[in-house]
Each structure stands twice: as structure tokens, then as C-alpha cells.
Amino acid sequence: MRAVIEAWRKANPEKHRAKEQKRRARKRLNPDTFTYDDWQNVLSYFGGFCAACGRPPGLWHVLAMDHWIPLSSPDCPGTVPTNIIPLCHSRNGDSGGCNNSKSKQ
């Protein structure tokens, strides 16, 4: 069963990220209405580029979903379309992406 789940995650990275964001929001009892279609709308709104630096996804970076107001903040509205932005994220985990260098603030 674990192999099936892992294969689905690799085949559907955007849907997996959306599910993970929802799980985290539920943990904090925040609204979690964000969907895969919402993610597509957010990407369209930002032109498919990083909201912070304008970098497109490519060989070394992907666009990761990120909360504009972090889940750790008491003011966080949750995982809702108005609180999610795309940030570039380094594929190899170094600090080369906006989402890699960000931390809970």
C-alpha cells in the first residue's frame, strides 16, 4: 500500500501539495478550502512565476504553494485561495529558492 501512495505522490505533486496544505490547516483548525483548481488559478494570476522574485519554474526550481500569512501566525486565515502564493523552491534542497530561504517568522 505504501508503494501505491508513494507512486501517486510522485505522479501528482501539485495535488499532493494541496492535500498536505489542507492537512496542516486542519491541524490548526483553520479553514482549508484550497483546491487543485484554486492552485491553477493562483498560478495563472501570477503568470506561472514566483510571487517574490519572478523566477519561472525550470530545471533547478519548481513553484511551491506557500501561505502568505504563515500557519504559525495567530492571524492566519488558513489554507484559502487568498492566502496562497507560488514561491520558487530549489529542487535539490539548497537555499537557492525563495521558499527555501524562508522560515517561520
N, C-alpha and C. Protein backbone atom coordinates (compact mmCIF):
# COMPACT_ATOMS: atom_id res chain seq x y z
N MET A 1 0.82 -1.19 0.00
CA MET A 1 0.00 0.00 0.00
C MET A 1 0.87 1.26 0.00
N ARG A 2 1.94 1.25 0.77
CA ARG A 2 2.83 2.40 0.85
C ARG A 2 3.41 2.74 -0.52
N ALA A 3 3.76 1.72 -1.30
CA ALA A 3 4.32 1.95 -2.63
C ALA A 3 3.29 2.60 -3.55
N VAL A 4 2.03 2.23 -3.41
CA VAL A 4 0.97 2.81 -4.23
C VAL A 4 0.80 4.29 -3.89
N ILE A 5 0.81 4.61 -2.62
CA ILE A 5 0.68 6.00 -2.17
C ILE A 5 1.86 6.83 -2.66
N GLU A 6 3.05 6.28 -2.53
CA GLU A 6 4.25 6.99 -2.96
C GLU A 6 4.24 7.21 -4.47
N ALA A 7 3.77 6.24 -5.23
CA ALA A 7 3.68 6.39 -6.69
C ALA A 7 2.68 7.48 -7.04
N TRP A 8 1.54 7.56 -6.32
CA TRP A 8 0.55 8.60 -6.57
C TRP A 8 1.15 9.97 -6.27
N ARG A 9 1.89 10.08 -5.17
CA ARG A 9 2.51 11.37 -4.81
C ARG A 9 3.45 11.85 -5.90
N LYS A 10 4.25 10.94 -6.43
CA LYS A 10 5.20 11.32 -7.48
C LYS A 10 4.49 11.67 -8.78
N ALA A 11 3.39 11.00 -9.06
CA ALA A 11 2.65 11.26 -10.30
C ALA A 11 1.78 12.52 -10.20
N ASN A 12 1.44 12.94 -8.99
CA ASN A 12 0.54 14.08 -8.77
C ASN A 12 1.12 15.05 -7.75
N PRO A 13 2.27 15.68 -8.01
CA PRO A 13 2.89 16.52 -6.99
C PRO A 13 2.04 17.71 -6.56
N GLU A 14 1.31 18.34 -7.51
CA GLU A 14 0.50 19.50 -7.14
C GLU A 14 -0.66 19.09 -6.24
N LYS A 15 -1.31 17.99 -6.58
CA LYS A 15 -2.43 17.51 -5.77
C LYS A 15 -1.95 17.08 -4.39
N HIS A 16 -0.75 16.46 -4.35
CA HIS A 16 -0.19 16.05 -3.06
C HIS A 16 0.09 17.27 -2.19
N ARG A 17 0.65 18.33 -2.79
CA ARG A 17 0.92 19.55 -2.03
C ARG A 17 -0.38 20.14 -1.49
N ALA A 18 -1.42 20.16 -2.31
CA ALA A 18 -2.70 20.70 -1.87
C ALA A 18 -3.24 19.88 -0.69
N LYS A 19 -3.13 18.56 -0.78
CA LYS A 19 -3.61 17.71 0.32
C LYS A 19 -2.80 17.97 1.59
N GLU A 20 -1.50 18.14 1.42
CA GLU A 20 -0.63 18.39 2.58
C GLU A 20 -0.96 19.73 3.23
N GLN A 21 -1.21 20.75 2.42
CA GLN A 21 -1.58 22.06 2.96
C GLN A 21 -2.90 21.97 3.73
N LYS A 22 -3.86 21.22 3.18
CA LYS A 22 -5.13 21.05 3.87
C LYS A 22 -4.95 20.34 5.21
N ARG A 23 -4.10 19.32 5.23
CA ARG A 23 -3.84 18.58 6.45
C ARG A 23 -3.28 19.51 7.53
N ARG A 24 -2.33 20.35 7.13
CA ARG A 24 -1.72 21.27 8.09
C ARG A 24 -2.74 22.27 8.61
N ALA A 25 -3.61 22.76 7.73
CA ALA A 25 -4.63 23.72 8.16
C ALA A 25 -5.61 23.06 9.12
N ARG A 26 -6.00 21.82 8.82
CA ARG A 26 -6.91 21.12 9.74
C ARG A 26 -6.28 20.96 11.11
N LYS A 27 -4.96 20.71 11.12
CA LYS A 27 -4.26 20.56 12.39
C LYS A 27 -4.40 21.81 13.24
N ARG A 28 -4.41 22.95 12.59
CA ARG A 28 -4.51 24.21 13.32
C ARG A 28 -5.95 24.70 13.42
N LEU A 29 -6.89 23.90 12.96
CA LEU A 29 -8.31 24.25 12.99
C LEU A 29 -8.63 25.49 12.17
N ASN A 30 -7.83 25.74 11.14
CA ASN A 30 -8.09 26.83 10.22
C ASN A 30 -8.88 26.32 9.03
N PRO A 31 -9.56 27.21 8.32
CA PRO A 31 -10.26 26.78 7.10
C PRO A 31 -9.27 26.17 6.11
N ASP A 32 -9.74 25.18 5.38
CA ASP A 32 -8.88 24.52 4.39
C ASP A 32 -9.66 24.29 3.10
N THR A 33 -10.10 25.38 2.50
CA THR A 33 -10.93 25.28 1.31
C THR A 33 -10.12 25.30 0.02
N PHE A 34 -8.81 25.35 0.09
CA PHE A 34 -7.96 25.45 -1.10
C PHE A 34 -7.98 24.14 -1.89
N THR A 35 -8.19 24.24 -3.21
CA THR A 35 -8.27 23.06 -4.06
C THR A 35 -7.21 23.11 -5.16
N TYR A 36 -7.11 22.04 -5.89
CA TYR A 36 -6.19 21.97 -7.03
C TYR A 36 -6.56 23.05 -8.06
N ASP A 37 -7.85 23.25 -8.31
CA ASP A 37 -8.29 24.29 -9.26
C ASP A 37 -7.91 25.68 -8.75
N ASP A 38 -7.98 25.89 -7.44
CA ASP A 38 -7.54 27.16 -6.87
C ASP A 38 -6.05 27.38 -7.15
N TRP A 39 -5.26 26.31 -7.02
CA TRP A 39 -3.82 26.41 -7.28
C TRP A 39 -3.58 26.81 -8.73
N GLN A 40 -4.34 26.23 -9.65
CA GLN A 40 -4.20 26.59 -11.06
C GLN A 40 -4.56 28.07 -11.27
N ASN A 41 -5.57 28.56 -10.57
CA ASN A 41 -5.95 29.97 -10.66
C ASN A 41 -4.87 30.88 -10.08
N VAL A 42 -4.26 30.47 -8.96
CA VAL A 42 -3.18 31.25 -8.37
C VAL A 42 -1.99 31.32 -9.33
N LEU A 43 -1.64 30.18 -9.92
CA LEU A 43 -0.54 30.17 -10.89
C LEU A 43 -0.85 31.09 -12.07
N SER A 44 -2.08 31.05 -12.54
CA SER A 44 -2.50 31.90 -13.66
C SER A 44 -2.40 33.38 -13.26
N TYR A 45 -2.84 33.71 -12.05
CA TYR A 45 -2.81 35.09 -11.57
C TYR A 45 -1.38 35.63 -11.55
N PHE A 46 -0.43 34.81 -11.11
CA PHE A 46 0.96 35.24 -11.03
C PHE A 46 1.73 34.94 -12.32
N GLY A 47 1.03 34.52 -13.36
CA GLY A 47 1.66 34.28 -14.65
C GLY A 47 2.56 33.07 -14.69
N GLY A 48 2.43 32.18 -13.70
CA GLY A 48 3.28 30.99 -13.66
C GLY A 48 4.67 31.27 -13.12
N PHE A 49 4.84 32.40 -12.42
CA PHE A 49 6.15 32.80 -11.89
C PHE A 49 6.10 32.90 -10.36
N CYS A 50 7.29 32.92 -9.76
CA CYS A 50 7.41 33.11 -8.31
C CYS A 50 6.86 34.48 -7.94
N ALA A 51 6.02 34.55 -6.91
CA ALA A 51 5.42 35.81 -6.48
C ALA A 51 6.45 36.76 -5.87
N ALA A 52 7.57 36.25 -5.38
CA ALA A 52 8.57 37.09 -4.73
C ALA A 52 9.63 37.62 -5.69
N CYS A 53 10.20 36.73 -6.51
CA CYS A 53 11.32 37.15 -7.36
C CYS A 53 11.02 37.09 -8.85
N GLY A 54 9.88 36.51 -9.23
CA GLY A 54 9.51 36.45 -10.64
C GLY A 54 10.16 35.34 -11.43
N ARG A 55 10.83 34.41 -10.74
CA ARG A 55 11.52 33.30 -11.41
C ARG A 55 10.49 32.28 -11.92
N PRO A 56 10.66 31.79 -13.16
CA PRO A 56 9.77 30.75 -13.65
C PRO A 56 10.23 29.38 -13.17
N PRO A 57 9.34 28.39 -13.18
CA PRO A 57 9.80 27.04 -12.86
C PRO A 57 10.71 26.57 -13.98
N GLY A 58 11.64 25.72 -13.64
CA GLY A 58 12.57 25.24 -14.66
C GLY A 58 13.35 24.04 -14.19
N LEU A 59 14.53 23.89 -14.76
CA LEU A 59 15.37 22.74 -14.47
C LEU A 59 15.76 22.67 -12.99
N TRP A 60 16.03 23.81 -12.37
CA TRP A 60 16.53 23.81 -10.99
C TRP A 60 15.49 24.21 -9.96
N HIS A 61 14.36 24.74 -10.40
CA HIS A 61 13.35 25.22 -9.46
C HIS A 61 11.94 24.78 -9.86
N VAL A 62 11.11 24.60 -8.87
CA VAL A 62 9.67 24.37 -9.06
C VAL A 62 8.94 25.47 -8.30
N LEU A 63 7.66 25.60 -8.54
CA LEU A 63 6.86 26.55 -7.78
C LEU A 63 6.14 25.81 -6.67
N ALA A 64 6.34 26.27 -5.46
CA ALA A 64 5.74 25.64 -4.29
C ALA A 64 4.62 26.52 -3.75
N MET A 65 3.57 25.88 -3.24
CA MET A 65 2.49 26.61 -2.58
C MET A 65 3.00 27.10 -1.23
N ASP A 66 2.72 28.36 -0.94
CA ASP A 66 3.13 28.88 0.34
C ASP A 66 2.05 29.79 0.89
N HIS A 67 1.92 29.81 2.19
CA HIS A 67 0.95 30.69 2.84
C HIS A 67 1.53 32.10 2.93
N TRP A 68 0.78 33.09 2.47
CA TRP A 68 1.20 34.48 2.58
C TRP A 68 1.28 34.84 4.07
N ILE A 69 0.25 34.51 4.81
CA ILE A 69 0.28 34.64 6.27
C ILE A 69 0.52 33.23 6.79
N PRO A 70 1.66 32.98 7.43
CA PRO A 70 2.03 31.61 7.82
C PRO A 70 1.02 30.96 8.76
N LEU A 71 0.94 29.63 8.66
CA LEU A 71 0.07 28.87 9.55
C LEU A 71 0.45 29.08 11.01
N SER A 72 1.71 29.42 11.26
CA SER A 72 2.15 29.62 12.64
C SER A 72 1.66 30.94 13.23
N SER A 73 1.14 31.83 12.39
CA SER A 73 0.65 33.12 12.87
C SER A 73 -0.77 32.99 13.41
N PRO A 74 -1.07 33.66 14.51
CA PRO A 74 -2.44 33.63 15.02
C PRO A 74 -3.42 34.36 14.08
N ASP A 75 -2.91 35.19 13.18
CA ASP A 75 -3.74 35.93 12.22
C ASP A 75 -3.98 35.16 10.92
N CYS A 76 -3.47 33.94 10.83
CA CYS A 76 -3.59 33.17 9.59
C CYS A 76 -5.06 32.83 9.30
N PRO A 77 -5.52 33.16 8.08
CA PRO A 77 -6.90 32.80 7.74
C PRO A 77 -7.06 31.35 7.31
N GLY A 78 -5.95 30.63 7.21
CA GLY A 78 -6.00 29.22 6.83
C GLY A 78 -5.49 28.99 5.43
N THR A 79 -5.76 27.80 4.92
CA THR A 79 -5.35 27.43 3.57
C THR A 79 -6.54 27.73 2.66
N VAL A 80 -6.60 29.00 2.28
CA VAL A 80 -7.68 29.51 1.44
C VAL A 80 -7.05 30.19 0.22
N PRO A 81 -7.77 30.32 -0.88
CA PRO A 81 -7.19 30.89 -2.10
C PRO A 81 -6.53 32.25 -1.91
N THR A 82 -7.06 33.09 -1.04
CA THR A 82 -6.49 34.43 -0.84
C THR A 82 -5.23 34.43 0.02
N ASN A 83 -4.85 33.28 0.56
CA ASN A 83 -3.66 33.21 1.43
C ASN A 83 -2.56 32.34 0.84
N ILE A 84 -2.69 31.90 -0.40
CA ILE A 84 -1.68 31.03 -1.01
C ILE A 84 -1.01 31.76 -2.16
N ILE A 85 0.32 31.71 -2.19
CA ILE A 85 1.10 32.30 -3.28
C ILE A 85 2.11 31.27 -3.78
N PRO A 86 2.56 31.39 -5.04
CA PRO A 86 3.61 30.50 -5.53
C PRO A 86 4.98 31.09 -5.24
N LEU A 87 5.85 30.29 -4.65
CA LEU A 87 7.24 30.70 -4.42
C LEU A 87 8.16 29.66 -5.05
N CYS A 88 9.27 30.12 -5.64
CA CYS A 88 10.20 29.17 -6.24
C CYS A 88 10.86 28.35 -5.13
N HIS A 89 11.13 27.10 -5.46
CA HIS A 89 11.69 26.16 -4.49
C HIS A 89 12.75 25.34 -5.22
N SER A 90 13.95 25.32 -4.67
CA SER A 90 15.05 24.59 -5.30
C SER A 90 14.78 23.10 -5.28
N ARG A 91 15.02 22.45 -6.40
CA ARG A 91 14.79 21.01 -6.49
C ARG A 91 15.77 20.21 -5.63
N ASN A 92 16.99 20.72 -5.45
CA ASN A 92 17.97 19.96 -4.70
C ASN A 92 18.02 20.33 -3.22
N GLY A 93 17.11 21.19 -2.78
CA GLY A 93 17.00 21.49 -1.35
C GLY A 93 17.97 22.53 -0.82
N ASP A 94 18.78 23.15 -1.69
CA ASP A 94 19.68 24.18 -1.20
C ASP A 94 18.90 25.46 -0.95
N SER A 95 19.58 26.53 -0.64
CA SER A 95 18.88 27.78 -0.30
C SER A 95 18.67 28.66 -1.53
N GLY A 96 18.67 28.08 -2.72
CA GLY A 96 18.56 28.85 -3.95
C GLY A 96 17.16 29.32 -4.31
N GLY A 97 16.14 28.95 -3.58
CA GLY A 97 14.78 29.38 -3.90
C GLY A 97 14.19 30.24 -2.80
N CYS A 98 13.22 31.06 -3.18
CA CYS A 98 12.58 31.94 -2.20
C CYS A 98 11.93 31.13 -1.07
N ASN A 99 11.32 30.00 -1.39
CA ASN A 99 10.68 29.19 -0.37
C ASN A 99 11.70 28.46 0.49
N ASN A 100 12.90 28.18 -0.07
CA ASN A 100 13.94 27.50 0.71
C ASN A 100 14.51 28.42 1.78
N SER A 101 14.63 29.70 1.46
CA SER A 101 15.29 30.63 2.39
C SER A 101 14.32 31.21 3.42
N LYS A 102 13.02 30.97 3.22
CA LYS A 102 12.01 31.49 4.12
C LYS A 102 11.85 30.56 5.33
N SER A 103 11.50 31.13 6.44
CA SER A 103 11.24 30.30 7.62
C SER A 103 10.06 30.89 8.36
N LYS A 104 9.66 30.26 9.42
CA LYS A 104 8.55 30.79 10.22
C LYS A 104 8.97 32.13 10.80
N GLN A 105 8.17 33.13 10.54
CA GLN A 105 8.52 34.47 11.02
C GLN A 105 7.46 35.00 11.94
